[in-house]
Amino acid sequence: MTESGNRYDLLPDLKELEQKIFEAINNTDCDLDTIFEALQGVMTFYMSGLCPDCRKNVARTLKRDIPRMLWTAKKFAAEHPQLSEHHHYH
């Protein structure tokens, strides 16, 4: 993240890509289990195009970012309680 805290400053196409992904997901009747499996499949597919070292780096970065993702998810859940309507994990 940049000093301003906006990750879009470093990756200007990121916001547009995220929006397209959100729109695709919002236009489906899939439950969250299926959505997460699909996202993992897409990530795996694109990781296959990387060299082994880069794949490991992407996986390390994802693992490192999981605590931040959980913190952000908790914050979003509080701001958007309607999201829990689609919860199926247990």
N, C-alpha and C. Protein backbone atom coordinates (compact mmCIF):
# COMPACT_ATOMS: atom_id res chain seq x y z
N MET A 1 0.83 -1.18 0.00
CA MET A 1 0.00 0.00 0.00
C MET A 1 0.88 1.25 0.00
N THR A 2 0.35 2.30 -0.53
CA THR A 2 1.09 3.55 -0.55
C THR A 2 0.89 4.28 0.77
N GLU A 3 1.58 5.41 0.93
CA GLU A 3 1.45 6.19 2.16
C GLU A 3 0.01 6.61 2.40
N SER A 4 -0.72 6.89 1.32
CA SER A 4 -2.12 7.30 1.47
C SER A 4 -3.00 6.14 1.91
N GLY A 5 -2.45 4.91 1.84
CA GLY A 5 -3.23 3.75 2.23
C GLY A 5 -4.11 3.23 1.12
N ASN A 6 -3.97 3.77 -0.07
CA ASN A 6 -4.81 3.37 -1.19
C ASN A 6 -4.02 2.46 -2.12
N ARG A 7 -4.38 1.17 -2.14
CA ARG A 7 -3.65 0.23 -2.98
C ARG A 7 -3.88 0.49 -4.45
N TYR A 8 -4.93 1.24 -4.80
CA TYR A 8 -5.19 1.56 -6.20
C TYR A 8 -4.17 2.55 -6.76
N ASP A 9 -3.45 3.26 -5.89
CA ASP A 9 -2.42 4.18 -6.35
C ASP A 9 -1.32 3.43 -7.09
N LEU A 10 -0.98 2.24 -6.61
CA LEU A 10 0.08 1.45 -7.22
C LEU A 10 -0.40 0.64 -8.43
N LEU A 11 -1.65 0.23 -8.40
CA LEU A 11 -2.20 -0.61 -9.47
C LEU A 11 -3.50 0.00 -9.97
N PRO A 12 -3.42 0.98 -10.87
CA PRO A 12 -4.63 1.69 -11.28
C PRO A 12 -5.68 0.81 -11.95
N ASP A 13 -5.28 -0.30 -12.60
CA ASP A 13 -6.26 -1.19 -13.23
C ASP A 13 -6.94 -2.11 -12.23
N LEU A 14 -6.42 -2.17 -11.01
CA LEU A 14 -6.95 -3.08 -10.00
C LEU A 14 -8.40 -2.79 -9.67
N LYS A 15 -8.73 -1.53 -9.48
CA LYS A 15 -10.11 -1.16 -9.11
C LYS A 15 -11.09 -1.59 -10.20
N GLU A 16 -10.73 -1.38 -11.45
CA GLU A 16 -11.61 -1.76 -12.55
C GLU A 16 -11.77 -3.29 -12.62
N LEU A 17 -10.69 -4.02 -12.45
CA LEU A 17 -10.77 -5.48 -12.47
C LEU A 17 -11.60 -5.99 -11.31
N GLU A 18 -11.37 -5.46 -10.11
CA GLU A 18 -12.17 -5.86 -8.96
C GLU A 18 -13.65 -5.60 -9.21
N GLN A 19 -13.97 -4.46 -9.79
CA GLN A 19 -15.36 -4.12 -10.07
C GLN A 19 -15.98 -5.13 -11.03
N LYS A 20 -15.24 -5.54 -12.05
CA LYS A 20 -15.75 -6.53 -13.00
C LYS A 20 -15.99 -7.88 -12.31
N ILE A 21 -15.10 -8.25 -11.41
CA ILE A 21 -15.27 -9.50 -10.66
C ILE A 21 -16.49 -9.42 -9.76
N PHE A 22 -16.63 -8.29 -9.04
CA PHE A 22 -17.81 -8.09 -8.18
C PHE A 22 -19.10 -8.19 -8.99
N GLU A 23 -19.12 -7.54 -10.16
CA GLU A 23 -20.32 -7.56 -10.99
C GLU A 23 -20.65 -8.98 -11.44
N ALA A 24 -19.63 -9.74 -11.83
CA ALA A 24 -19.86 -11.12 -12.27
C ALA A 24 -20.42 -11.96 -11.12
N ILE A 25 -19.86 -11.79 -9.94
CA ILE A 25 -20.33 -12.56 -8.78
C ILE A 25 -21.73 -12.12 -8.37
N ASN A 26 -21.99 -10.83 -8.39
CA ASN A 26 -23.30 -10.33 -8.00
C ASN A 26 -24.41 -10.75 -8.97
N ASN A 27 -24.02 -11.13 -10.18
CA ASN A 27 -25.00 -11.55 -11.18
C ASN A 27 -25.13 -13.07 -11.25
N THR A 28 -24.84 -13.75 -10.15
CA THR A 28 -24.97 -15.19 -10.09
C THR A 28 -25.77 -15.56 -8.85
N ASP A 29 -26.35 -16.73 -8.88
CA ASP A 29 -27.10 -17.22 -7.73
C ASP A 29 -26.27 -18.19 -6.89
N CYS A 30 -24.98 -18.24 -7.14
CA CYS A 30 -24.10 -19.18 -6.44
C CYS A 30 -23.96 -18.81 -4.97
N ASP A 31 -23.77 -19.83 -4.14
CA ASP A 31 -23.51 -19.57 -2.73
C ASP A 31 -22.03 -19.24 -2.53
N LEU A 32 -21.69 -18.81 -1.33
CA LEU A 32 -20.31 -18.39 -1.06
C LEU A 32 -19.31 -19.53 -1.23
N ASP A 33 -19.69 -20.75 -0.89
CA ASP A 33 -18.78 -21.89 -1.08
C ASP A 33 -18.35 -21.97 -2.54
N THR A 34 -19.31 -21.88 -3.44
CA THR A 34 -19.03 -21.99 -4.87
C THR A 34 -18.22 -20.80 -5.36
N ILE A 35 -18.53 -19.62 -4.85
CA ILE A 35 -17.79 -18.42 -5.25
C ILE A 35 -16.32 -18.55 -4.84
N PHE A 36 -16.05 -18.98 -3.60
CA PHE A 36 -14.66 -19.14 -3.16
C PHE A 36 -13.94 -20.21 -3.96
N GLU A 37 -14.61 -21.30 -4.28
CA GLU A 37 -13.99 -22.35 -5.09
C GLU A 37 -13.65 -21.81 -6.48
N ALA A 38 -14.55 -21.02 -7.05
CA ALA A 38 -14.30 -20.44 -8.37
C ALA A 38 -13.12 -19.47 -8.33
N LEU A 39 -13.07 -18.63 -7.30
CA LEU A 39 -11.95 -17.70 -7.17
C LEU A 39 -10.63 -18.44 -7.01
N GLN A 40 -10.62 -19.51 -6.22
CA GLN A 40 -9.41 -20.32 -6.07
C GLN A 40 -9.00 -20.95 -7.40
N GLY A 41 -9.98 -21.41 -8.16
CA GLY A 41 -9.69 -22.01 -9.47
C GLY A 41 -9.07 -21.00 -10.42
N VAL A 42 -9.59 -19.79 -10.43
CA VAL A 42 -9.04 -18.74 -11.29
C VAL A 42 -7.62 -18.40 -10.86
N MET A 43 -7.40 -18.27 -9.56
CA MET A 43 -6.05 -17.96 -9.06
C MET A 43 -5.08 -19.08 -9.44
N THR A 44 -5.51 -20.31 -9.28
CA THR A 44 -4.65 -21.45 -9.60
C THR A 44 -4.31 -21.46 -11.09
N PHE A 45 -5.31 -21.20 -11.92
CA PHE A 45 -5.07 -21.17 -13.36
C PHE A 45 -4.01 -20.13 -13.71
N TYR A 46 -4.15 -18.93 -13.19
CA TYR A 46 -3.18 -17.87 -13.53
C TYR A 46 -1.82 -18.10 -12.88
N MET A 47 -1.80 -18.75 -11.73
CA MET A 47 -0.51 -19.09 -11.12
C MET A 47 0.24 -20.10 -11.98
N SER A 48 -0.48 -20.91 -12.73
CA SER A 48 0.18 -21.91 -13.57
C SER A 48 1.02 -21.27 -14.67
N GLY A 49 0.73 -20.04 -14.98
CA GLY A 49 1.50 -19.33 -15.99
C GLY A 49 2.79 -18.71 -15.46
N LEU A 50 3.01 -18.84 -14.18
CA LEU A 50 4.21 -18.28 -13.55
C LEU A 50 5.28 -19.35 -13.42
N CYS A 51 6.51 -18.91 -13.30
CA CYS A 51 7.59 -19.87 -13.01
C CYS A 51 7.42 -20.36 -11.57
N PRO A 52 8.03 -21.50 -11.22
CA PRO A 52 7.87 -22.04 -9.87
C PRO A 52 8.22 -21.06 -8.75
N ASP A 53 9.28 -20.27 -8.92
CA ASP A 53 9.65 -19.30 -7.89
C ASP A 53 8.57 -18.22 -7.72
N CYS A 54 8.04 -17.75 -8.83
CA CYS A 54 7.00 -16.72 -8.76
C CYS A 54 5.71 -17.29 -8.15
N ARG A 55 5.39 -18.56 -8.47
CA ARG A 55 4.22 -19.20 -7.85
C ARG A 55 4.39 -19.22 -6.34
N LYS A 56 5.58 -19.60 -5.89
CA LYS A 56 5.83 -19.63 -4.45
C LYS A 56 5.71 -18.24 -3.85
N ASN A 57 6.21 -17.23 -4.55
CA ASN A 57 6.11 -15.86 -4.04
C ASN A 57 4.66 -15.40 -3.94
N VAL A 58 3.85 -15.75 -4.93
CA VAL A 58 2.43 -15.39 -4.88
C VAL A 58 1.76 -16.09 -3.68
N ALA A 59 2.07 -17.37 -3.49
CA ALA A 59 1.49 -18.12 -2.38
C ALA A 59 1.95 -17.55 -1.04
N ARG A 60 3.23 -17.18 -0.94
CA ARG A 60 3.73 -16.57 0.30
C ARG A 60 3.03 -15.25 0.59
N THR A 61 2.85 -14.46 -0.46
CA THR A 61 2.20 -13.16 -0.29
C THR A 61 0.76 -13.37 0.18
N LEU A 62 0.07 -14.32 -0.43
CA LEU A 62 -1.30 -14.60 -0.02
C LEU A 62 -1.34 -15.05 1.44
N LYS A 63 -0.45 -15.95 1.81
CA LYS A 63 -0.40 -16.43 3.20
C LYS A 63 -0.10 -15.28 4.16
N ARG A 64 0.83 -14.41 3.78
CA ARG A 64 1.19 -13.26 4.62
C ARG A 64 0.01 -12.31 4.78
N ASP A 65 -0.81 -12.19 3.73
CA ASP A 65 -1.91 -11.23 3.74
C ASP A 65 -3.18 -11.75 4.40
N ILE A 66 -3.23 -13.03 4.75
CA ILE A 66 -4.45 -13.59 5.33
C ILE A 66 -4.89 -12.86 6.60
N PRO A 67 -4.00 -12.55 7.55
CA PRO A 67 -4.46 -11.80 8.73
C PRO A 67 -5.10 -10.45 8.37
N ARG A 68 -4.53 -9.74 7.41
CA ARG A 68 -5.10 -8.47 6.97
C ARG A 68 -6.45 -8.71 6.31
N MET A 69 -6.56 -9.77 5.52
CA MET A 69 -7.82 -10.10 4.86
C MET A 69 -8.90 -10.39 5.89
N LEU A 70 -8.55 -11.14 6.94
CA LEU A 70 -9.52 -11.45 8.00
C LEU A 70 -9.95 -10.19 8.74
N TRP A 71 -9.01 -9.30 9.02
CA TRP A 71 -9.34 -8.05 9.71
C TRP A 71 -10.26 -7.20 8.83
N THR A 72 -9.93 -7.09 7.55
CA THR A 72 -10.74 -6.30 6.62
C THR A 72 -12.12 -6.93 6.46
N ALA A 73 -12.18 -8.28 6.39
CA ALA A 73 -13.47 -8.96 6.26
C ALA A 73 -14.35 -8.69 7.47
N LYS A 74 -13.75 -8.68 8.66
CA LYS A 74 -14.52 -8.39 9.88
C LYS A 74 -15.09 -6.97 9.82
N LYS A 75 -14.28 -6.03 9.35
CA LYS A 75 -14.72 -4.65 9.22
C LYS A 75 -15.87 -4.54 8.20
N PHE A 76 -15.70 -5.17 7.03
CA PHE A 76 -16.75 -5.15 6.01
C PHE A 76 -18.02 -5.81 6.50
N ALA A 77 -17.88 -6.92 7.26
CA ALA A 77 -19.06 -7.63 7.78
C ALA A 77 -19.87 -6.73 8.70
N ALA A 78 -19.19 -5.93 9.50
CA ALA A 78 -19.89 -5.01 10.40
C ALA A 78 -20.60 -3.91 9.60
N GLU A 79 -19.98 -3.48 8.51
CA GLU A 79 -20.55 -2.42 7.68
C GLU A 79 -21.65 -2.93 6.74
N HIS A 80 -21.62 -4.22 6.41
CA HIS A 80 -22.55 -4.81 5.44
C HIS A 80 -23.14 -6.11 5.99
N PRO A 81 -24.00 -6.04 7.00
CA PRO A 81 -24.52 -7.27 7.62
C PRO A 81 -25.31 -8.16 6.66
N GLN A 82 -25.81 -7.60 5.57
CA GLN A 82 -26.57 -8.40 4.61
C GLN A 82 -25.69 -9.47 3.93
N LEU A 83 -24.38 -9.30 3.97
CA LEU A 83 -23.50 -10.29 3.37
C LEU A 83 -23.60 -11.65 4.06
N SER A 84 -23.87 -11.64 5.35
CA SER A 84 -23.94 -12.90 6.09
C SER A 84 -25.15 -13.74 5.69
N GLU A 85 -26.09 -13.17 4.95
CA GLU A 85 -27.24 -13.93 4.48
C GLU A 85 -26.82 -15.08 3.57
N HIS A 86 -25.66 -14.98 2.97
CA HIS A 86 -25.18 -15.99 2.01
C HIS A 86 -24.20 -16.95 2.64
N HIS A 87 -24.03 -16.89 3.94
CA HIS A 87 -23.03 -17.70 4.65
C HIS A 87 -23.44 -19.17 4.69
N HIS A 88 -22.52 -20.06 4.28
CA HIS A 88 -22.81 -21.50 4.30
C HIS A 88 -21.68 -22.32 4.93
N TYR A 89 -20.58 -21.69 5.30
CA TYR A 89 -19.47 -22.43 5.88
C TYR A 89 -19.73 -22.77 7.34
N HIS A 90 -19.43 -23.97 7.75
CA HIS A 90 -19.44 -24.39 9.16
C HIS A 90 -18.86 -25.75 9.26
